[in-house]
Structures are given as C-alpha cells and as structure tokens.
Amino acid sequence: MAMEGHYYQGLGRRKEATARVRLYAGEGDAVVNGLPVNEYFSRDTDLKTVFAPLKATSLDGTFDISVKVSGGGVAGQAGAVSLGIARALLVLNPELRQTLRQHGLLTRDARVKERKKPGLKRARKAPQYTKR
C-alpha cells in the first residue's frame, strides 16, 4: 500500500478529537495512526461511523485512506474521522454535497461535555438534600 502522490484532504473534529484525513486513489486500504483501521477501531459501530461517508456516496473500495487522529476517546475519534472523510470527498467532488448532507455527514456535532458548576458535584448533579 503506497500512500504517495496526489491526495484530497479533510479535517474533522468531534468532542476533543481532531482528525486529519487524506484520500489517495487506491483499492480501499485505511490506516489510522499507523495501524490498520480495523485494529485501531475495534468496535463495529465505530467502523460503521468511519466508513459512513464512503458508503453513502458508493465510493467504498476506491480510495486508500491515511488518518492522523489525536485527542478525545475512541467514539469521538471515529466521529472526527468520519467528518474528515466527508470533507475530503467534497474537495474531490463538490456534487456529493447533497448526498452527504442528506445523510447528516457534513454537520459537525457540537455537543461537548458540560462544565462543572460551583456548589454541585458535577455539571448538574446537586449534593443530596438533608432536612435536619
């Protein structure tokens, strides 16, 4: 698997995770941080999330994918990689925008962990009330 030559790049973020994705013409090999994608993302749901943009556009198996991802947890990283792939596909072919948008793959999921408030144990959990 030779990852060289012309590529299409996309940046994806989710929670605290950031993924830099490069799509090369190839036969469908995917590498995340130097590991095969099915070793890095071992859960089926994460693998489905990662490859969702390629499945939605019927382009699975036509690109070699190289990803550098950092920060966050496994699920957040999978979401970041998915958004990065979708954005790289847009650079390749802007006509795919409608298809990707219909599947909700171009929207950056803005949900992040809520901050802890003073006087509470967590963001919303209050200490137990004692009457006496």
C-alpha atoms as a PDB file:
ATOM      1  CA  MET A   1       0.000   0.000   0.000  1.00  0.00           C
ATOM      2  CA  ALA A   2       1.821   3.082  -1.248  1.00  0.00           C
ATOM      3  CA  MET A   3       0.406   6.302   0.195  1.00  0.00           C
ATOM      4  CA  GLU A   4       2.039   8.795  -2.129  1.00  0.00           C
ATOM      5  CA  GLY A   5       1.117  11.133  -4.925  1.00  0.00           C
ATOM      6  CA  HIS A   6      -1.921  13.390  -5.182  1.00  0.00           C
ATOM      7  CA  TYR A   7      -4.434  13.299  -2.324  1.00  0.00           C
ATOM      8  CA  TYR A   8      -7.588  15.026  -1.094  1.00  0.00           C
ATOM      9  CA  GLN A   9      -7.506  16.330   2.453  1.00  0.00           C
ATOM     10  CA  GLY A  10     -10.188  16.939   5.070  1.00  0.00           C
ATOM     11  CA  LEU A  11     -10.208  17.983   8.722  1.00  0.00           C
ATOM     12  CA  GLY A  12     -12.763  16.572  11.149  1.00  0.00           C
ATOM     13  CA  ARG A  13     -13.457  17.333  14.797  1.00  0.00           C
ATOM     14  CA  ARG A  14     -15.752  15.760  17.391  1.00  0.00           C
ATOM     15  CA  LYS A  15     -15.724  16.498  21.139  1.00  0.00           C
ATOM     16  CA  GLU A  16     -11.988  16.775  21.943  1.00  0.00           C
ATOM     17  CA  ALA A  17     -10.823  14.697  18.944  1.00  0.00           C
ATOM     18  CA  THR A  18      -9.226  16.075  15.769  1.00  0.00           C
ATOM     19  CA  ALA A  19      -8.613  14.006  12.631  1.00  0.00           C
ATOM     20  CA  ARG A  20      -6.558  14.919   9.548  1.00  0.00           C
ATOM     21  CA  VAL A  21      -7.685  12.706   6.676  1.00  0.00           C
ATOM     22  CA  ARG A  22      -6.048  12.128   3.296  1.00  0.00           C
ATOM     23  CA  LEU A  23      -7.718  10.220   0.450  1.00  0.00           C
ATOM     24  CA  TYR A  24      -5.477   8.654  -2.191  1.00  0.00           C
ATOM     25  CA  ALA A  25      -6.545   6.796  -5.338  1.00  0.00           C
ATOM     26  CA  GLY A  26      -6.301   3.116  -4.394  1.00  0.00           C
ATOM     27  CA  GLU A  27      -8.132  -0.063  -3.547  1.00  0.00           C
ATOM     28  CA  GLY A  28      -9.661   0.691  -0.145  1.00  0.00           C
ATOM     29  CA  ASP A  29      -6.844   0.339   2.426  1.00  0.00           C
ATOM     30  CA  ALA A  30      -7.272   2.510   5.513  1.00  0.00           C
ATOM     31  CA  VAL A  31      -4.570   3.383   8.052  1.00  0.00           C
ATOM     32  CA  VAL A  32      -5.204   5.296  11.292  1.00  0.00           C
ATOM     33  CA  ASN A  33      -2.134   6.492  13.219  1.00  0.00           C
ATOM     34  CA  GLY A  34      -0.018   3.811  11.514  1.00  0.00           C
ATOM     35  CA  LEU A  35      -2.407   0.918  12.306  1.00  0.00           C
ATOM     36  CA  PRO A  36      -4.972  -0.762  10.042  1.00  0.00           C
ATOM     37  CA  VAL A  37      -8.381   0.814  10.655  1.00  0.00           C
ATOM     38  CA  ASN A  38      -9.943  -2.423  11.992  1.00  0.00           C
ATOM     39  CA  GLU A  39      -7.185  -2.681  14.625  1.00  0.00           C
ATOM     40  CA  TYR A  40      -7.460   0.961  15.707  1.00  0.00           C
ATOM     41  CA  PHE A  41     -11.282   0.983  15.800  1.00  0.00           C
ATOM     42  CA  SER A  42     -12.196  -2.485  17.059  1.00  0.00           C
ATOM     43  CA  ARG A  43     -15.946  -1.902  17.630  1.00  0.00           C
ATOM     44  CA  ASP A  44     -18.295  -2.440  14.691  1.00  0.00           C
ATOM     45  CA  THR A  45     -20.232   0.762  15.447  1.00  0.00           C
ATOM     46  CA  ASP A  46     -17.039   2.835  15.232  1.00  0.00           C
ATOM     47  CA  LEU A  47     -16.077   1.197  11.918  1.00  0.00           C
ATOM     48  CA  LYS A  48     -19.571   1.904  10.519  1.00  0.00           C
ATOM     49  CA  THR A  49     -19.245   5.532  11.636  1.00  0.00           C
ATOM     50  CA  VAL A  50     -15.829   5.880   9.983  1.00  0.00           C
ATOM     51  CA  PHE A  51     -16.902   4.446   6.619  1.00  0.00           C
ATOM     52  CA  ALA A  52     -20.390   6.038   6.517  1.00  0.00           C
ATOM     53  CA  PRO A  53     -19.414   8.840   4.048  1.00  0.00           C
ATOM     54  CA  LEU A  54     -17.915   6.329   1.598  1.00  0.00           C
ATOM     55  CA  LYS A  55     -20.958   4.028   1.861  1.00  0.00           C
ATOM     56  CA  ALA A  56     -23.392   6.935   1.381  1.00  0.00           C
ATOM     57  CA  THR A  57     -21.623   8.028  -1.822  1.00  0.00           C
ATOM     58  CA  SER A  58     -20.981   4.440  -3.059  1.00  0.00           C
ATOM     59  CA  LEU A  59     -17.242   5.122  -3.180  1.00  0.00           C
ATOM     60  CA  ASP A  60     -16.126   2.435  -0.702  1.00  0.00           C
ATOM     61  CA  GLY A  61     -13.136   0.492  -2.007  1.00  0.00           C
ATOM     62  CA  THR A  62     -11.959   3.256  -4.352  1.00  0.00           C
ATOM     63  CA  PHE A  63      -9.651   5.190  -2.021  1.00  0.00           C
ATOM     64  CA  ASP A  64      -6.739   4.472   0.273  1.00  0.00           C
ATOM     65  CA  ILE A  65      -7.201   6.471   3.460  1.00  0.00           C
ATOM     66  CA  SER A  66      -4.483   7.842   5.706  1.00  0.00           C
ATOM     67  CA  VAL A  67      -5.573   9.372   9.024  1.00  0.00           C
ATOM     68  CA  LYS A  68      -3.773  11.138  11.858  1.00  0.00           C
ATOM     69  CA  VAL A  69      -6.143  11.473  14.809  1.00  0.00           C
ATOM     70  CA  SER A  70      -5.495  12.792  18.311  1.00  0.00           C
ATOM     71  CA  GLY A  71      -7.393  13.735  21.447  1.00  0.00           C
ATOM     72  CA  GLY A  72     -10.692  12.536  22.865  1.00  0.00           C
ATOM     73  CA  GLY A  73     -11.915   8.973  23.176  1.00  0.00           C
ATOM     74  CA  VAL A  74     -12.493   6.220  20.661  1.00  0.00           C
ATOM     75  CA  ALA A  75     -16.073   7.202  19.720  1.00  0.00           C
ATOM     76  CA  GLY A  76     -15.154  10.884  19.392  1.00  0.00           C
ATOM     77  CA  GLN A  77     -12.197   9.975  17.198  1.00  0.00           C
ATOM     78  CA  ALA A  78     -14.424   7.830  14.958  1.00  0.00           C
ATOM     79  CA  GLY A  79     -16.815  10.770  14.522  1.00  0.00           C
ATOM     80  CA  ALA A  80     -13.908  13.098  13.724  1.00  0.00           C
ATOM     81  CA  VAL A  81     -12.540  10.684  11.101  1.00  0.00           C
ATOM     82  CA  SER A  82     -16.000  10.386   9.516  1.00  0.00           C
ATOM     83  CA  LEU A  83     -16.340  14.166   9.204  1.00  0.00           C
ATOM     84  CA  GLY A  84     -12.792  14.399   7.825  1.00  0.00           C
ATOM     85  CA  ILE A  85     -13.553  11.792   5.142  1.00  0.00           C
ATOM     86  CA  ALA A  86     -16.793  13.596   4.202  1.00  0.00           C
ATOM     87  CA  ARG A  87     -14.953  16.909   3.834  1.00  0.00           C
ATOM     88  CA  ALA A  88     -12.183  15.300   1.780  1.00  0.00           C
ATOM     89  CA  LEU A  89     -14.838  13.816  -0.537  1.00  0.00           C
ATOM     90  CA  LEU A  90     -16.255  17.334  -1.001  1.00  0.00           C
ATOM     91  CA  VAL A  91     -12.837  18.571  -2.135  1.00  0.00           C
ATOM     92  CA  LEU A  92     -12.748  15.654  -4.597  1.00  0.00           C
ATOM     93  CA  ASN A  93     -16.262  16.240  -5.958  1.00  0.00           C
ATOM     94  CA  PRO A  94     -18.452  19.167  -4.758  1.00  0.00           C
ATOM     95  CA  GLU A  95     -21.512  17.482  -6.335  1.00  0.00           C
ATOM     96  CA  LEU A  96     -21.501  14.950  -3.463  1.00  0.00           C
ATOM     97  CA  ARG A  97     -22.588  17.699  -1.033  1.00  0.00           C
ATOM     98  CA  GLN A  98     -26.320  16.977  -1.329  1.00  0.00           C
ATOM     99  CA  THR A  99     -25.887  13.229  -0.735  1.00  0.00           C
ATOM    100  CA  LEU A 100     -23.584  13.745   2.257  1.00  0.00           C
ATOM    101  CA  ARG A 101     -25.875  16.433   3.677  1.00  0.00           C
ATOM    102  CA  GLN A 102     -28.947  14.153   3.401  1.00  0.00           C
ATOM    103  CA  HIS A 103     -27.145  11.501   5.445  1.00  0.00           C
ATOM    104  CA  GLY A 104     -26.108  14.130   8.045  1.00  0.00           C
ATOM    105  CA  LEU A 105     -22.407  13.590   7.425  1.00  0.00           C
ATOM    106  CA  LEU A 106     -21.350  17.225   6.909  1.00  0.00           C
ATOM    107  CA  THR A 107     -22.729  18.603  10.167  1.00  0.00           C
ATOM    108  CA  ARG A 108     -20.154  18.990  12.909  1.00  0.00           C
ATOM    109  CA  ASP A 109     -21.659  17.528  16.092  1.00  0.00           C
ATOM    110  CA  ALA A 110     -21.219  20.449  18.505  1.00  0.00           C
ATOM    111  CA  ARG A 111     -22.153  18.521  21.665  1.00  0.00           C
ATOM    112  CA  VAL A 112     -19.336  18.600  24.200  1.00  0.00           C
ATOM    113  CA  LYS A 113     -19.091  17.826  27.906  1.00  0.00           C
ATOM    114  CA  GLU A 114     -20.788  20.482  30.020  1.00  0.00           C
ATOM    115  CA  ARG A 115     -18.592  22.260  32.559  1.00  0.00           C
ATOM    116  CA  LYS A 116     -18.843  21.618  36.302  1.00  0.00           C
ATOM    117  CA  LYS A 117     -20.662  24.329  38.272  1.00  0.00           C
ATOM    118  CA  PRO A 118     -19.650  25.530  41.744  1.00  0.00           C
ATOM    119  CA  GLY A 119     -21.738  24.076  44.583  1.00  0.00           C
ATOM    120  CA  LEU A 120     -22.617  21.000  42.509  1.00  0.00           C
ATOM    121  CA  LYS A 121     -20.889  17.626  42.325  1.00  0.00           C
ATOM    122  CA  ARG A 122     -20.899  17.538  38.510  1.00  0.00           C
ATOM    123  CA  ALA A 123     -22.402  19.749  35.822  1.00  0.00           C
ATOM    124  CA  ARG A 124     -25.970  19.237  37.080  1.00  0.00           C
ATOM    125  CA  LYS A 125     -25.868  16.751  39.985  1.00  0.00           C
ATOM    126  CA  ALA A 126     -26.563  18.532  43.267  1.00  0.00           C
ATOM    127  CA  PRO A 127     -25.488  17.234  46.673  1.00  0.00           C
ATOM    128  CA  GLN A 128     -28.199  15.275  48.488  1.00  0.00           C
ATOM    129  CA  TYR A 129     -30.603  17.489  50.400  1.00  0.00           C
ATOM    130  CA  THR A 130     -30.838  16.860  54.153  1.00  0.00           C
ATOM    131  CA  LYS A 131     -33.732  18.396  56.038  1.00  0.00           C
ATOM    132  CA  ARG A 132     -32.153  18.139  59.530  1.00  0.00           C
END
